[in-house]
Amino acid sequence: MDYADTIWSSCSSKSQKALRKIQNRGLRFIHKMPASRAKSHHITEVLHQTGWTDLATWRRSYMCILTIEYKNVTGDTPLYLTI
């Protein structure tokens, strides 16, 4: 799901919702949750247990990391962020 994650941030909300559903189905499959519980069991709890983040949060975090790295390379970062 991380492959080309920065590109997914610019896709339509419908496509992002479809990706989120794929991630949720994968988590339910991994945790062997029956399909009958899919609606009643909120996936946030399972995300927390596995240590995963939802795709939207991951994309925002990754974009921040890329921005800081770019600014670090160009010399535009504050001293406390330089490596």
N, C-alpha and C. Protein backbone atom coordinates (compact mmCIF):
# COMPACT_ATOMS: atom_id res chain seq x y z
N MET A 1 0.82 -1.19 0.00
CA MET A 1 0.00 0.00 0.00
C MET A 1 0.87 1.26 0.00
N ASP A 2 2.14 1.12 0.35
CA ASP A 2 3.02 2.28 0.38
C ASP A 2 3.57 2.64 -0.99
N TYR A 3 3.43 1.75 -1.95
CA TYR A 3 4.00 1.99 -3.27
C TYR A 3 3.38 3.24 -3.88
N ALA A 4 4.20 4.20 -4.23
CA ALA A 4 3.77 5.45 -4.86
C ALA A 4 2.71 6.16 -4.04
N ASP A 5 2.85 6.14 -2.72
CA ASP A 5 1.83 6.72 -1.85
C ASP A 5 1.67 8.23 -2.04
N THR A 6 2.71 8.93 -2.46
CA THR A 6 2.56 10.37 -2.67
C THR A 6 1.66 10.67 -3.85
N ILE A 7 1.62 9.77 -4.82
CA ILE A 7 0.75 9.97 -5.98
C ILE A 7 -0.70 9.78 -5.60
N TRP A 8 -0.97 8.83 -4.68
CA TRP A 8 -2.35 8.57 -4.29
C TRP A 8 -3.00 9.78 -3.62
N SER A 9 -2.22 10.68 -3.04
CA SER A 9 -2.80 11.83 -2.36
C SER A 9 -3.50 12.78 -3.33
N SER A 10 -3.13 12.72 -4.60
CA SER A 10 -3.76 13.62 -5.57
C SER A 10 -4.93 12.96 -6.32
N CYS A 11 -5.23 11.71 -6.02
CA CYS A 11 -6.34 11.05 -6.71
C CYS A 11 -7.67 11.47 -6.08
N SER A 12 -8.74 11.14 -6.73
CA SER A 12 -10.07 11.56 -6.27
C SER A 12 -10.41 10.94 -4.92
N SER A 13 -11.35 11.55 -4.22
CA SER A 13 -11.76 11.02 -2.92
C SER A 13 -12.40 9.65 -3.08
N LYS A 14 -13.04 9.41 -4.21
CA LYS A 14 -13.63 8.09 -4.48
C LYS A 14 -12.55 7.02 -4.55
N SER A 15 -11.45 7.33 -5.24
CA SER A 15 -10.34 6.38 -5.34
C SER A 15 -9.65 6.18 -3.98
N GLN A 16 -9.51 7.25 -3.22
CA GLN A 16 -8.91 7.14 -1.89
C GLN A 16 -9.78 6.29 -0.97
N LYS A 17 -11.09 6.43 -1.10
CA LYS A 17 -12.01 5.62 -0.30
C LYS A 17 -11.87 4.14 -0.68
N ALA A 18 -11.71 3.86 -1.97
CA ALA A 18 -11.53 2.49 -2.43
C ALA A 18 -10.23 1.90 -1.86
N LEU A 19 -9.15 2.69 -1.83
CA LEU A 19 -7.89 2.23 -1.26
C LEU A 19 -8.03 1.94 0.23
N ARG A 20 -8.75 2.81 0.94
CA ARG A 20 -8.98 2.62 2.36
C ARG A 20 -9.74 1.32 2.62
N LYS A 21 -10.71 1.02 1.75
CA LYS A 21 -11.48 -0.22 1.88
C LYS A 21 -10.58 -1.44 1.67
N ILE A 22 -9.66 -1.34 0.72
CA ILE A 22 -8.73 -2.44 0.47
C ILE A 22 -7.85 -2.67 1.70
N GLN A 23 -7.35 -1.59 2.28
CA GLN A 23 -6.53 -1.71 3.48
C GLN A 23 -7.34 -2.35 4.62
N ASN A 24 -8.57 -1.91 4.80
CA ASN A 24 -9.42 -2.44 5.86
C ASN A 24 -9.71 -3.93 5.64
N ARG A 25 -9.98 -4.31 4.40
CA ARG A 25 -10.23 -5.73 4.11
C ARG A 25 -8.99 -6.57 4.40
N GLY A 26 -7.83 -6.03 4.04
CA GLY A 26 -6.59 -6.74 4.33
C GLY A 26 -6.37 -6.94 5.82
N LEU A 27 -6.64 -5.91 6.59
CA LEU A 27 -6.50 -6.02 8.04
C LEU A 27 -7.47 -7.04 8.61
N ARG A 28 -8.69 -7.01 8.11
CA ARG A 28 -9.69 -7.98 8.60
C ARG A 28 -9.28 -9.40 8.23
N PHE A 29 -8.71 -9.57 7.05
CA PHE A 29 -8.25 -10.89 6.61
C PHE A 29 -7.10 -11.37 7.49
N ILE A 30 -6.14 -10.50 7.73
CA ILE A 30 -4.97 -10.85 8.54
C ILE A 30 -5.40 -11.25 9.95
N HIS A 31 -6.36 -10.53 10.50
CA HIS A 31 -6.82 -10.81 11.86
C HIS A 31 -7.95 -11.84 11.91
N LYS A 32 -8.24 -12.44 10.76
CA LYS A 32 -9.25 -13.49 10.65
C LYS A 32 -10.60 -13.08 11.25
N MET A 33 -10.98 -11.85 10.94
CA MET A 33 -12.27 -11.36 11.40
C MET A 33 -13.34 -11.81 10.41
N PRO A 34 -14.41 -12.40 10.87
CA PRO A 34 -15.47 -12.84 9.95
C PRO A 34 -16.13 -11.65 9.27
N ALA A 35 -16.56 -11.86 8.05
CA ALA A 35 -17.20 -10.79 7.27
C ALA A 35 -18.45 -10.27 7.97
N SER A 36 -19.09 -11.12 8.76
CA SER A 36 -20.32 -10.69 9.45
C SER A 36 -20.03 -9.61 10.48
N ARG A 37 -18.78 -9.55 10.98
CA ARG A 37 -18.41 -8.52 11.96
C ARG A 37 -17.81 -7.29 11.31
N ALA A 38 -17.68 -7.28 10.02
CA ALA A 38 -16.98 -6.19 9.33
C ALA A 38 -17.61 -4.84 9.63
N LYS A 39 -18.92 -4.76 9.67
CA LYS A 39 -19.58 -3.48 9.91
C LYS A 39 -19.60 -3.11 11.39
N SER A 40 -19.70 -4.12 12.27
CA SER A 40 -19.86 -3.83 13.69
C SER A 40 -18.53 -3.57 14.40
N HIS A 41 -17.42 -4.05 13.85
CA HIS A 41 -16.12 -3.90 14.48
C HIS A 41 -15.35 -2.79 13.78
N HIS A 42 -15.09 -1.71 14.49
CA HIS A 42 -14.42 -0.56 13.88
C HIS A 42 -12.95 -0.89 13.64
N ILE A 43 -12.46 -0.55 12.48
CA ILE A 43 -11.11 -0.92 12.05
C ILE A 43 -10.02 -0.12 12.76
N THR A 44 -10.37 1.02 13.35
CA THR A 44 -9.38 1.84 14.04
C THR A 44 -8.70 1.07 15.16
N GLU A 45 -9.46 0.27 15.87
CA GLU A 45 -8.90 -0.54 16.95
C GLU A 45 -7.87 -1.54 16.40
N VAL A 46 -8.18 -2.14 15.27
CA VAL A 46 -7.27 -3.11 14.66
C VAL A 46 -6.03 -2.39 14.13
N LEU A 47 -6.19 -1.21 13.55
CA LEU A 47 -5.04 -0.43 13.10
C LEU A 47 -4.11 -0.14 14.27
N HIS A 48 -4.68 0.24 15.39
CA HIS A 48 -3.89 0.54 16.58
C HIS A 48 -3.15 -0.69 17.08
N GLN A 49 -3.80 -1.84 17.09
CA GLN A 49 -3.18 -3.08 17.55
C GLN A 49 -1.99 -3.49 16.68
N THR A 50 -2.12 -3.29 15.37
CA THR A 50 -1.05 -3.69 14.46
C THR A 50 0.06 -2.66 14.37
N GLY A 51 -0.22 -1.44 14.81
CA GLY A 51 0.77 -0.37 14.71
C GLY A 51 0.77 0.32 13.36
N TRP A 52 -0.21 -0.02 12.52
CA TRP A 52 -0.34 0.62 11.21
C TRP A 52 -1.03 1.96 11.39
N THR A 53 -0.84 2.83 10.39
CA THR A 53 -1.62 4.08 10.34
C THR A 53 -2.53 3.99 9.13
N ASP A 54 -3.61 4.75 9.19
CA ASP A 54 -4.48 4.77 8.02
C ASP A 54 -3.75 5.46 6.87
N LEU A 55 -4.18 5.19 5.67
CA LEU A 55 -3.46 5.65 4.48
C LEU A 55 -3.36 7.17 4.38
N ALA A 56 -4.42 7.88 4.73
CA ALA A 56 -4.40 9.34 4.63
C ALA A 56 -3.36 9.93 5.58
N THR A 57 -3.29 9.42 6.80
CA THR A 57 -2.30 9.91 7.77
C THR A 57 -0.89 9.58 7.30
N TRP A 58 -0.70 8.38 6.77
CA TRP A 58 0.61 7.99 6.27
C TRP A 58 1.06 8.90 5.13
N ARG A 59 0.15 9.20 4.21
CA ARG A 59 0.51 10.07 3.08
C ARG A 59 0.90 11.47 3.56
N ARG A 60 0.16 12.02 4.51
CA ARG A 60 0.50 13.35 5.04
C ARG A 60 1.87 13.32 5.72
N SER A 61 2.12 12.29 6.51
CA SER A 61 3.40 12.17 7.20
C SER A 61 4.55 12.05 6.20
N TYR A 62 4.35 11.22 5.20
CA TYR A 62 5.39 11.02 4.20
C TYR A 62 5.68 12.31 3.42
N MET A 63 4.65 13.06 3.08
CA MET A 63 4.85 14.33 2.38
C MET A 63 5.63 15.31 3.26
N CYS A 64 5.37 15.31 4.55
CA CYS A 64 6.12 16.17 5.47
C CYS A 64 7.58 15.76 5.51
N ILE A 65 7.83 14.46 5.57
CA ILE A 65 9.21 13.95 5.58
C ILE A 65 9.93 14.35 4.29
N LEU A 66 9.27 14.17 3.15
CA LEU A 66 9.90 14.54 1.87
C LEU A 66 10.20 16.04 1.81
N THR A 67 9.28 16.84 2.32
CA THR A 67 9.49 18.29 2.31
C THR A 67 10.68 18.67 3.18
N ILE A 68 10.77 18.09 4.37
CA ILE A 68 11.90 18.39 5.25
C ILE A 68 13.21 17.93 4.62
N GLU A 69 13.21 16.75 4.00
CA GLU A 69 14.42 16.26 3.34
C GLU A 69 14.84 17.17 2.20
N TYR A 70 13.87 17.63 1.41
CA TYR A 70 14.18 18.53 0.30
C TYR A 70 14.77 19.84 0.84
N LYS A 71 14.12 20.38 1.86
CA LYS A 71 14.62 21.64 2.42
C LYS A 71 15.99 21.45 3.06
N ASN A 72 16.25 20.27 3.60
CA ASN A 72 17.55 19.99 4.18
C ASN A 72 18.63 19.98 3.10
N VAL A 73 18.32 19.37 1.96
CA VAL A 73 19.27 19.31 0.85
C VAL A 73 19.55 20.70 0.28
N THR A 74 18.51 21.53 0.21
CA THR A 74 18.68 22.87 -0.36
C THR A 74 19.19 23.88 0.66
N GLY A 75 19.29 23.47 1.93
CA GLY A 75 19.83 24.37 2.96
C GLY A 75 18.79 25.32 3.52
N ASP A 76 17.52 25.02 3.35
CA ASP A 76 16.46 25.91 3.82
C ASP A 76 15.85 25.50 5.15
N THR A 77 16.40 24.50 5.82
CA THR A 77 15.83 24.05 7.08
C THR A 77 16.46 24.77 8.26
N PRO A 78 15.74 24.90 9.34
CA PRO A 78 16.34 25.46 10.56
C PRO A 78 17.43 24.51 11.07
N LEU A 79 18.33 25.01 11.88
CA LEU A 79 19.44 24.21 12.36
C LEU A 79 19.00 22.97 13.13
N TYR A 80 17.90 23.07 13.89
CA TYR A 80 17.48 21.93 14.70
C TYR A 80 16.94 20.76 13.85
N LEU A 81 16.68 20.98 12.57
CA LEU A 81 16.21 19.90 11.69
C LEU A 81 17.30 19.36 10.76
N THR A 82 18.46 19.96 10.80
CA THR A 82 19.53 19.48 9.90
C THR A 82 20.15 18.20 10.44
N ILE A 83 20.63 17.41 9.53
CA ILE A 83 21.22 16.12 9.90
C ILE A 83 22.71 16.25 10.02
